[in-house]
Amino acid sequence: MELCERIKSLRLKQGLTQKELGEQLDVSTVSIRHWETGTKSPSMSAIISLAKIFRVSTDYLLGVAVEQDKDNTLLTKGELTLISNYRLLDKHGRKAVDTICIIEKARVESEQVKPITKPNVITLQKKPSRYIPRYTTPSAAGYSVPLDGDDFEMILVDENVPSDADFAVGIQGNSMYPYIQDGDTVYVKKDCELSIGDVGIFCVDGAMYCKQYYIDEDRNLTLVSANPRLRNTNVYISADSEASVRCYGKVLLDCRIELPDYIFE
């Protein structure tokens, strides 16, 4: 490959137009066109500047180091922009980007597995991998721990996990025993309207709870413990309370949990 061909090839890999490259070198578009057609050759100072822009050695640009022809690590203009933006993110933002990359890489790899059809034999295409966040700090069941933030890991889930689960969270405590036990992981659907008796993940003035939802006719809220021995862990919020209450979502369970009788007494 000649010098003129290398300049054009590297420019295209960088996603630059002739005008943009010329602006970076402070030369005219005509000069770039001459260099790429071989009509004229760049000066040595221009070659050094080109090498810096393309992030290659001058030897490679001049054809002395041919091994770099097989190098696929050159970054495009778009890739450089992504890297620049990534470096401006905080810890949570970088973790979110990393997570998307893992998920999308798995999706692309799964789509590369094509169905193989033979006479009387059909091989089904592999299902895409599915990842959801699991908050690593135990939540709920009567303990005050955070759920917001970047304290999570992405976990691979299978078909046994509800398809509408948005995230998973570990449970600490036995206030929802025997339906949910200490150390269990529950799966949660966020942005879900709760009905009376549903189990949800709640935050009350910064304290996290996994409780049953009950609201009376006067709009007083009670977060109920299913375990009859732990009635003292119920959380009551009156309608006129100024407490900060937030529901993170509905816990997806295999069965419906009945509210204890004493709630209606």
C-alpha atoms as a PDB file:
ATOM      1  CA  MET A   1       0.000   0.000   0.000  1.00  0.00           C
ATOM      2  CA  GLU A   2       1.393   3.392  -1.038  1.00  0.00           C
ATOM      3  CA  LEU A   3       1.569   6.492   1.180  1.00  0.00           C
ATOM      4  CA  CYS A   4      -1.382   8.088  -0.631  1.00  0.00           C
ATOM      5  CA  GLU A   5      -3.505   4.983  -0.057  1.00  0.00           C
ATOM      6  CA  ARG A   6      -2.548   4.840   3.613  1.00  0.00           C
ATOM      7  CA  ILE A   7      -3.554   8.454   4.189  1.00  0.00           C
ATOM      8  CA  LYS A   8      -6.958   7.908   2.613  1.00  0.00           C
ATOM      9  CA  SER A   9      -7.528   4.599   4.393  1.00  0.00           C
ATOM     10  CA  LEU A  10      -6.605   6.013   7.805  1.00  0.00           C
ATOM     11  CA  ARG A  11      -8.696   9.127   7.251  1.00  0.00           C
ATOM     12  CA  LEU A  12     -11.753   7.028   6.446  1.00  0.00           C
ATOM     13  CA  LYS A  13     -11.161   4.808   9.486  1.00  0.00           C
ATOM     14  CA  GLN A  14     -11.108   7.940  11.620  1.00  0.00           C
ATOM     15  CA  GLY A  15     -14.399   9.055  10.070  1.00  0.00           C
ATOM     16  CA  LEU A  16     -12.868  12.332   8.862  1.00  0.00           C
ATOM     17  CA  THR A  17     -13.662  14.222   5.679  1.00  0.00           C
ATOM     18  CA  GLN A  18     -10.869  15.726   3.616  1.00  0.00           C
ATOM     19  CA  LYS A  19     -11.941  19.151   4.844  1.00  0.00           C
ATOM     20  CA  GLU A  20     -11.860  18.089   8.522  1.00  0.00           C
ATOM     21  CA  LEU A  21      -8.421  16.541   8.135  1.00  0.00           C
ATOM     22  CA  GLY A  22      -7.176  19.653   6.380  1.00  0.00           C
ATOM     23  CA  GLU A  23      -8.464  21.847   9.220  1.00  0.00           C
ATOM     24  CA  GLN A  24      -6.584  19.748  11.773  1.00  0.00           C
ATOM     25  CA  LEU A  25      -3.380  20.079   9.727  1.00  0.00           C
ATOM     26  CA  ASP A  26      -4.005  23.705   8.759  1.00  0.00           C
ATOM     27  CA  VAL A  27      -3.777  22.869   5.071  1.00  0.00           C
ATOM     28  CA  SER A  28      -6.315  23.146   2.266  1.00  0.00           C
ATOM     29  CA  THR A  29      -8.721  20.435   1.131  1.00  0.00           C
ATOM     30  CA  VAL A  30      -6.938  20.528  -2.220  1.00  0.00           C
ATOM     31  CA  SER A  31      -3.667  19.537  -0.526  1.00  0.00           C
ATOM     32  CA  ILE A  32      -5.357  16.553   1.128  1.00  0.00           C
ATOM     33  CA  ARG A  33      -6.824  15.541  -2.229  1.00  0.00           C
ATOM     34  CA  HIS A  34      -3.364  15.737  -3.858  1.00  0.00           C
ATOM     35  CA  TRP A  35      -1.841  13.600  -1.087  1.00  0.00           C
ATOM     36  CA  GLU A  36      -4.546  10.933  -1.422  1.00  0.00           C
ATOM     37  CA  THR A  37      -4.309  10.731  -5.206  1.00  0.00           C
ATOM     38  CA  GLY A  38      -0.501  10.709  -5.166  1.00  0.00           C
ATOM     39  CA  THR A  39      -0.271  13.892  -7.224  1.00  0.00           C
ATOM     40  CA  LYS A  40       1.842  15.442  -4.485  1.00  0.00           C
ATOM     41  CA  SER A  41       3.450  14.135  -1.295  1.00  0.00           C
ATOM     42  CA  PRO A  42       3.180  15.707   2.158  1.00  0.00           C
ATOM     43  CA  SER A  43       6.236  17.253   3.766  1.00  0.00           C
ATOM     44  CA  MET A  44       7.993  15.437   6.596  1.00  0.00           C
ATOM     45  CA  SER A  45       6.431  17.803   9.145  1.00  0.00           C
ATOM     46  CA  ALA A  46       3.006  17.028   7.654  1.00  0.00           C
ATOM     47  CA  ILE A  47       3.732  13.286   7.849  1.00  0.00           C
ATOM     48  CA  ILE A  48       4.595  13.632  11.534  1.00  0.00           C
ATOM     49  CA  SER A  49       1.337  15.526  12.120  1.00  0.00           C
ATOM     50  CA  LEU A  50      -0.626  12.888  10.175  1.00  0.00           C
ATOM     51  CA  ALA A  51       0.921  10.130  12.286  1.00  0.00           C
ATOM     52  CA  LYS A  52      -0.168  11.921  15.464  1.00  0.00           C
ATOM     53  CA  ILE A  53      -3.723  12.409  14.191  1.00  0.00           C
ATOM     54  CA  PHE A  54      -4.038   8.805  13.023  1.00  0.00           C
ATOM     55  CA  ARG A  55      -2.177   7.480  16.111  1.00  0.00           C
ATOM     56  CA  VAL A  56       0.276   5.438  14.068  1.00  0.00           C
ATOM     57  CA  SER A  57       4.022   5.598  13.669  1.00  0.00           C
ATOM     58  CA  THR A  58       5.655   7.524  10.843  1.00  0.00           C
ATOM     59  CA  ASP A  59       7.295   4.216   9.839  1.00  0.00           C
ATOM     60  CA  TYR A  60       3.878   2.675   9.344  1.00  0.00           C
ATOM     61  CA  LEU A  61       2.618   5.692   7.421  1.00  0.00           C
ATOM     62  CA  LEU A  62       5.652   5.528   5.099  1.00  0.00           C
ATOM     63  CA  GLY A  63       5.293   1.787   4.650  1.00  0.00           C
ATOM     64  CA  VAL A  64       8.352   0.763   6.682  1.00  0.00           C
ATOM     65  CA  ALA A  65       6.366  -1.098   9.405  1.00  0.00           C
ATOM     66  CA  VAL A  66       3.863  -3.161   7.421  1.00  0.00           C
ATOM     67  CA  GLU A  67       2.727  -5.259  10.416  1.00  0.00           C
ATOM     68  CA  GLN A  68       0.307  -2.513  11.431  1.00  0.00           C
ATOM     69  CA  ASP A  69      -1.759  -3.206   8.296  1.00  0.00           C
ATOM     70  CA  LYS A  70      -3.466  -5.944  10.286  1.00  0.00           C
ATOM     71  CA  ASP A  71      -4.107  -3.721  13.283  1.00  0.00           C
ATOM     72  CA  ASN A  72      -7.845  -3.410  13.991  1.00  0.00           C
ATOM     73  CA  THR A  73      -7.406  -1.208  17.067  1.00  0.00           C
ATOM     74  CA  LEU A  74      -7.635   2.145  15.294  1.00  0.00           C
ATOM     75  CA  LEU A  75     -10.491   4.154  16.737  1.00  0.00           C
ATOM     76  CA  THR A  76     -13.027   6.010  14.652  1.00  0.00           C
ATOM     77  CA  LYS A  77     -14.088   9.566  15.388  1.00  0.00           C
ATOM     78  CA  GLY A  78     -17.305   8.255  16.938  1.00  0.00           C
ATOM     79  CA  GLU A  79     -15.400   5.825  19.171  1.00  0.00           C
ATOM     80  CA  LEU A  80     -13.111   8.606  20.353  1.00  0.00           C
ATOM     81  CA  THR A  81     -16.161  10.708  21.224  1.00  0.00           C
ATOM     82  CA  LEU A  82     -17.607   7.813  23.253  1.00  0.00           C
ATOM     83  CA  ILE A  83     -14.360   7.412  25.165  1.00  0.00           C
ATOM     84  CA  SER A  84     -14.194  11.139  25.839  1.00  0.00           C
ATOM     85  CA  ASN A  85     -17.779  11.191  27.135  1.00  0.00           C
ATOM     86  CA  TYR A  86     -17.186   8.038  29.217  1.00  0.00           C
ATOM     87  CA  ARG A  87     -14.325   9.709  31.055  1.00  0.00           C
ATOM     88  CA  LEU A  88     -16.653  12.535  32.105  1.00  0.00           C
ATOM     89  CA  LEU A  89     -19.127  10.157  33.799  1.00  0.00           C
ATOM     90  CA  ASP A  90     -19.259   9.436  37.514  1.00  0.00           C
ATOM     91  CA  LYS A  91     -18.998   5.927  38.978  1.00  0.00           C
ATOM     92  CA  HIS A  92     -22.702   5.219  38.542  1.00  0.00           C
ATOM     93  CA  GLY A  93     -22.718   6.432  34.933  1.00  0.00           C
ATOM     94  CA  ARG A  94     -19.701   4.317  33.994  1.00  0.00           C
ATOM     95  CA  LYS A  95     -21.271   1.260  35.589  1.00  0.00           C
ATOM     96  CA  ALA A  96     -24.466   1.845  33.612  1.00  0.00           C
ATOM     97  CA  VAL A  97     -22.489   2.090  30.337  1.00  0.00           C
ATOM     98  CA  ASP A  98     -20.504  -1.053  31.209  1.00  0.00           C
ATOM     99  CA  THR A  99     -23.761  -2.878  31.873  1.00  0.00           C
ATOM    100  CA  ILE A 100     -25.255  -1.848  28.525  1.00  0.00           C
ATOM    101  CA  CYS A 101     -22.094  -3.038  26.763  1.00  0.00           C
ATOM    102  CA  ILE A 102     -22.334  -6.458  28.458  1.00  0.00           C
ATOM    103  CA  ILE A 103     -26.015  -6.821  27.566  1.00  0.00           C
ATOM    104  CA  GLU A 104     -25.604  -5.693  23.967  1.00  0.00           C
ATOM    105  CA  LYS A 105     -22.522  -7.870  23.430  1.00  0.00           C
ATOM    106  CA  ALA A 106     -24.495 -10.886  24.670  1.00  0.00           C
ATOM    107  CA  ARG A 107     -27.394  -9.970  22.368  1.00  0.00           C
ATOM    108  CA  VAL A 108     -25.147  -9.674  19.320  1.00  0.00           C
ATOM    109  CA  GLU A 109     -23.423 -12.961  20.120  1.00  0.00           C
ATOM    110  CA  SER A 110     -26.758 -14.719  20.587  1.00  0.00           C
ATOM    111  CA  GLU A 111     -28.057 -13.405  17.256  1.00  0.00           C
ATOM    112  CA  GLN A 112     -25.023 -14.850  15.527  1.00  0.00           C
ATOM    113  CA  VAL A 113     -26.292 -18.346  16.386  1.00  0.00           C
ATOM    114  CA  LYS A 114     -28.419 -19.157  13.333  1.00  0.00           C
ATOM    115  CA  PRO A 115     -31.000 -21.958  12.993  1.00  0.00           C
ATOM    116  CA  ILE A 116     -29.598 -25.053  11.306  1.00  0.00           C
ATOM    117  CA  THR A 117     -32.161 -26.872   9.199  1.00  0.00           C
ATOM    118  CA  LYS A 118     -31.609 -30.445   8.049  1.00  0.00           C
ATOM    119  CA  PRO A 119     -34.091 -32.939   6.599  1.00  0.00           C
ATOM    120  CA  ASN A 120     -36.649 -33.579   9.346  1.00  0.00           C
ATOM    121  CA  VAL A 121     -34.374 -31.785  11.868  1.00  0.00           C
ATOM    122  CA  ILE A 122     -34.797 -28.196  13.113  1.00  0.00           C
ATOM    123  CA  THR A 123     -32.299 -26.665  15.526  1.00  0.00           C
ATOM    124  CA  LEU A 124     -33.832 -23.714  17.342  1.00  0.00           C
ATOM    125  CA  GLN A 125     -31.969 -20.453  17.595  1.00  0.00           C
ATOM    126  CA  LYS A 126     -30.356 -19.777  20.955  1.00  0.00           C
ATOM    127  CA  LYS A 127     -32.375 -17.403  23.144  1.00  0.00           C
ATOM    128  CA  PRO A 128     -30.734 -14.046  23.902  1.00  0.00           C
ATOM    129  CA  SER A 129     -29.074 -13.767  27.294  1.00  0.00           C
ATOM    130  CA  ARG A 130     -30.896 -11.611  29.819  1.00  0.00           C
ATOM    131  CA  TYR A 131     -29.278  -9.562  32.552  1.00  0.00           C
ATOM    132  CA  ILE A 132     -30.921  -7.558  35.331  1.00  0.00           C
ATOM    133  CA  PRO A 133     -29.376  -5.568  38.202  1.00  0.00           C
ATOM    134  CA  ARG A 134     -29.174  -7.188  41.637  1.00  0.00           C
ATOM    135  CA  TYR A 135     -28.676  -4.768  44.496  1.00  0.00           C
ATOM    136  CA  THR A 136     -25.884  -6.169  46.616  1.00  0.00           C
ATOM    137  CA  THR A 137     -26.849  -4.426  49.846  1.00  0.00           C
ATOM    138  CA  PRO A 138     -29.635  -6.494  51.474  1.00  0.00           C
ATOM    139  CA  SER A 139     -32.954  -4.711  51.476  1.00  0.00           C
ATOM    140  CA  ALA A 140     -36.113  -4.483  53.389  1.00  0.00           C
ATOM    141  CA  ALA A 141     -37.628  -6.847  55.939  1.00  0.00           C
ATOM    142  CA  GLY A 142     -37.230  -4.405  58.781  1.00  0.00           C
ATOM    143  CA  TYR A 143     -33.722  -3.060  58.221  1.00  0.00           C
ATOM    144  CA  SER A 144     -32.597   0.409  57.223  1.00  0.00           C
ATOM    145  CA  VAL A 145     -30.372   0.054  54.150  1.00  0.00           C
ATOM    146  CA  PRO A 146     -30.215   1.927  50.821  1.00  0.00           C
ATOM    147  CA  LEU A 147     -31.423   0.660  47.459  1.00  0.00           C
ATOM    148  CA  ASP A 148     -30.540   3.668  45.328  1.00  0.00           C
ATOM    149  CA  GLY A 149     -27.074   4.259  43.938  1.00  0.00           C
ATOM    150  CA  ASP A 150     -24.480   2.089  42.243  1.00  0.00           C
ATOM    151  CA  ASP A 151     -24.367  -0.737  44.788  1.00  0.00           C
ATOM    152  CA  PHE A 152     -25.515  -3.381  42.322  1.00  0.00           C
ATOM    153  CA  GLU A 153     -24.205  -6.087  40.029  1.00  0.00           C
ATOM    154  CA  MET A 154     -25.622  -7.395  36.773  1.00  0.00           C
ATOM    155  CA  ILE A 155     -26.733 -11.015  36.985  1.00  0.00           C
ATOM    156  CA  LEU A 156     -27.639 -13.453  34.242  1.00  0.00           C
ATOM    157  CA  VAL A 157     -31.154 -14.834  34.744  1.00  0.00           C
ATOM    158  CA  ASP A 158     -32.947 -17.736  33.107  1.00  0.00           C
ATOM    159  CA  GLU A 159     -36.537 -18.529  32.203  1.00  0.00           C
ATOM    160  CA  ASN A 160     -37.347 -19.292  35.858  1.00  0.00           C
ATOM    161  CA  VAL A 161     -37.138 -15.590  36.664  1.00  0.00           C
ATOM    162  CA  PRO A 162     -40.353 -13.660  35.849  1.00  0.00           C
ATOM    163  CA  SER A 163     -40.080 -12.021  32.443  1.00  0.00           C
ATOM    164  CA  ASP A 164     -41.354  -8.703  33.818  1.00  0.00           C
ATOM    165  CA  ALA A 165     -38.760  -8.491  36.616  1.00  0.00           C
ATOM    166  CA  ASP A 166     -36.793  -5.241  36.383  1.00  0.00           C
ATOM    167  CA  PHE A 167     -34.322  -5.871  39.197  1.00  0.00           C
ATOM    168  CA  ALA A 168     -33.467  -8.244  42.026  1.00  0.00           C
ATOM    169  CA  VAL A 169     -32.736  -7.493  45.664  1.00  0.00           C
ATOM    170  CA  GLY A 170     -31.502  -9.552  48.573  1.00  0.00           C
ATOM    171  CA  ILE A 171     -33.737  -9.779  51.654  1.00  0.00           C
ATOM    172  CA  GLN A 172     -32.488  -9.488  55.204  1.00  0.00           C
ATOM    173  CA  GLY A 173     -34.768 -10.549  58.047  1.00  0.00           C
ATOM    174  CA  ASN A 174     -37.779 -12.810  58.521  1.00  0.00           C
ATOM    175  CA  SER A 175     -40.679 -10.382  58.730  1.00  0.00           C
ATOM    176  CA  MET A 176     -42.148 -11.913  55.550  1.00  0.00           C
ATOM    177  CA  TYR A 177     -41.615 -15.516  56.666  1.00  0.00           C
ATOM    178  CA  PRO A 178     -42.606 -18.126  55.480  1.00  0.00           C
ATOM    179  CA  TYR A 179     -43.163 -16.625  52.028  1.00  0.00           C
ATOM    180  CA  ILE A 180     -39.823 -14.805  51.925  1.00  0.00           C
ATOM    181  CA  GLN A 181     -36.993 -15.901  54.165  1.00  0.00           C
ATOM    182  CA  ASP A 182     -33.825 -14.265  55.411  1.00  0.00           C
ATOM    183  CA  GLY A 183     -31.194 -14.368  52.651  1.00  0.00           C
ATOM    184  CA  ASP A 184     -33.664 -14.882  49.795  1.00  0.00           C
ATOM    185  CA  THR A 185     -33.457 -12.928  46.562  1.00  0.00           C
ATOM    186  CA  VAL A 186     -36.714 -11.456  45.306  1.00  0.00           C
ATOM    187  CA  TYR A 187     -37.508 -10.104  41.852  1.00  0.00           C
ATOM    188  CA  VAL A 188     -39.241  -6.756  41.526  1.00  0.00           C
ATOM    189  CA  LYS A 189     -41.284  -5.048  38.829  1.00  0.00           C
ATOM    190  CA  LYS A 190     -40.863  -1.300  39.118  1.00  0.00           C
ATOM    191  CA  ASP A 191     -43.389   1.388  38.198  1.00  0.00           C
ATOM    192  CA  CYS A 192     -46.165  -1.011  39.089  1.00  0.00           C
ATOM    193  CA  GLU A 193     -49.381   0.049  40.834  1.00  0.00           C
ATOM    194  CA  LEU A 194     -49.945  -2.007  43.964  1.00  0.00           C
ATOM    195  CA  SER A 195     -53.214  -3.537  45.081  1.00  0.00           C
ATOM    196  CA  ILE A 196     -54.029  -4.121  48.733  1.00  0.00           C
ATOM    197  CA  GLY A 197     -52.183  -7.225  49.883  1.00  0.00           C
ATOM    198  CA  ASP A 198     -49.394  -6.981  47.309  1.00  0.00           C
ATOM    199  CA  VAL A 199     -45.819  -7.206  48.540  1.00  0.00           C
ATOM    200  CA  GLY A 200     -43.576  -4.322  47.618  1.00  0.00           C
ATOM    201  CA  ILE A 201     -40.215  -2.730  48.280  1.00  0.00           C
ATOM    202  CA  PHE A 202     -40.703   0.546  50.163  1.00  0.00           C
ATOM    203  CA  CYS A 203     -38.557   3.374  51.438  1.00  0.00           C
ATOM    204  CA  VAL A 204     -39.857   5.317  54.448  1.00  0.00           C
ATOM    205  CA  ASP A 205     -37.671   8.242  55.504  1.00  0.00           C
ATOM    206  CA  GLY A 206     -34.616   6.455  54.153  1.00  0.00           C
ATOM    207  CA  ALA A 207     -35.382   3.034  55.694  1.00  0.00           C
ATOM    208  CA  MET A 208     -36.013   0.148  53.291  1.00  0.00           C
ATOM    209  CA  TYR A 209     -38.754  -2.434  53.815  1.00  0.00           C
ATOM    210  CA  CYS A 210     -40.174  -5.491  52.086  1.00  0.00           C
ATOM    211  CA  LYS A 211     -43.791  -5.527  53.279  1.00  0.00           C
ATOM    212  CA  GLN A 212     -47.392  -6.081  52.296  1.00  0.00           C
ATOM    213  CA  TYR A 213     -49.269  -3.027  51.172  1.00  0.00           C
ATOM    214  CA  TYR A 214     -52.426  -1.993  53.008  1.00  0.00           C
ATOM    215  CA  ILE A 215     -54.228   1.343  52.937  1.00  0.00           C
ATOM    216  CA  ASP A 216     -57.469   1.963  54.790  1.00  0.00           C
ATOM    217  CA  GLU A 217     -60.473   4.079  53.854  1.00  0.00           C
ATOM    218  CA  ASP A 218     -58.933   7.090  55.591  1.00  0.00           C
ATOM    219  CA  ARG A 219     -55.779   6.773  53.447  1.00  0.00           C
ATOM    220  CA  ASN A 220     -53.626   5.614  56.349  1.00  0.00           C
ATOM    221  CA  LEU A 221     -50.867   3.346  55.100  1.00  0.00           C
ATOM    222  CA  THR A 222     -49.666   0.195  56.857  1.00  0.00           C
ATOM    223  CA  LEU A 223     -46.710  -1.824  55.660  1.00  0.00           C
ATOM    224  CA  VAL A 224     -47.512  -5.254  57.017  1.00  0.00           C
ATOM    225  CA  SER A 225     -45.222  -8.089  58.134  1.00  0.00           C
ATOM    226  CA  ALA A 226     -46.549 -11.504  57.093  1.00  0.00           C
ATOM    227  CA  ASN A 227     -44.806 -13.184  60.014  1.00  0.00           C
ATOM    228  CA  PRO A 228     -47.339 -13.121  62.934  1.00  0.00           C
ATOM    229  CA  ARG A 229     -44.474 -13.198  65.429  1.00  0.00           C
ATOM    230  CA  LEU A 230     -43.110  -9.921  64.089  1.00  0.00           C
ATOM    231  CA  ARG A 231     -46.192  -7.726  64.206  1.00  0.00           C
ATOM    232  CA  ASN A 232     -44.055  -5.139  65.968  1.00  0.00           C
ATOM    233  CA  THR A 233     -42.149  -4.582  62.697  1.00  0.00           C
ATOM    234  CA  ASN A 234     -45.230  -3.247  60.921  1.00  0.00           C
ATOM    235  CA  VAL A 235     -44.784   0.301  59.661  1.00  0.00           C
ATOM    236  CA  TYR A 236     -47.731   2.663  60.076  1.00  0.00           C
ATOM    237  CA  ILE A 237     -47.873   5.994  58.221  1.00  0.00           C
ATOM    238  CA  SER A 238     -50.901   8.147  58.879  1.00  0.00           C
ATOM    239  CA  ALA A 239     -52.567  10.073  56.068  1.00  0.00           C
ATOM    240  CA  ASP A 240     -51.505  13.400  57.582  1.00  0.00           C
ATOM    241  CA  SER A 241     -47.942  12.299  58.193  1.00  0.00           C
ATOM    242  CA  GLU A 242     -45.132  14.246  56.562  1.00  0.00           C
ATOM    243  CA  ALA A 243     -43.036  11.097  56.211  1.00  0.00           C
ATOM    244  CA  SER A 244     -41.285  10.503  52.885  1.00  0.00           C
ATOM    245  CA  VAL A 245     -42.685   7.298  51.393  1.00  0.00           C
ATOM    246  CA  ARG A 246     -41.602   5.749  48.121  1.00  0.00           C
ATOM    247  CA  CYS A 247     -42.505   2.414  46.523  1.00  0.00           C
ATOM    248  CA  TYR A 248     -39.750   0.900  44.381  1.00  0.00           C
ATOM    249  CA  GLY A 249     -42.002  -1.756  42.884  1.00  0.00           C
ATOM    250  CA  LYS A 250     -43.977  -4.935  43.339  1.00  0.00           C
ATOM    251  CA  VAL A 251     -42.306  -8.132  44.508  1.00  0.00           C
ATOM    252  CA  LEU A 252     -43.162 -10.909  42.055  1.00  0.00           C
ATOM    253  CA  LEU A 253     -44.242 -14.019  43.955  1.00  0.00           C
ATOM    254  CA  ASP A 254     -45.597 -17.406  42.909  1.00  0.00           C
ATOM    255  CA  CYS A 255     -48.569 -17.109  45.242  1.00  0.00           C
ATOM    256  CA  ARG A 256     -50.908 -14.517  46.669  1.00  0.00           C
ATOM    257  CA  ILE A 257     -50.289 -13.691  50.341  1.00  0.00           C
ATOM    258  CA  GLU A 258     -53.387 -13.049  52.421  1.00  0.00           C
ATOM    259  CA  LEU A 259     -53.282 -10.141  54.832  1.00  0.00           C
ATOM    260  CA  PRO A 260     -53.358 -11.213  58.505  1.00  0.00           C
ATOM    261  CA  ASP A 261     -56.729 -10.956  60.256  1.00  0.00           C
ATOM    262  CA  TYR A 262     -55.533  -8.468  62.860  1.00  0.00           C
ATOM    263  CA  ILE A 263     -55.150  -5.803  60.171  1.00  0.00           C
ATOM    264  CA  PHE A 264     -58.929  -5.646  59.818  1.00  0.00           C
ATOM    265  CA  GLU A 265     -59.700  -5.661  63.527  1.00  0.00           C
END
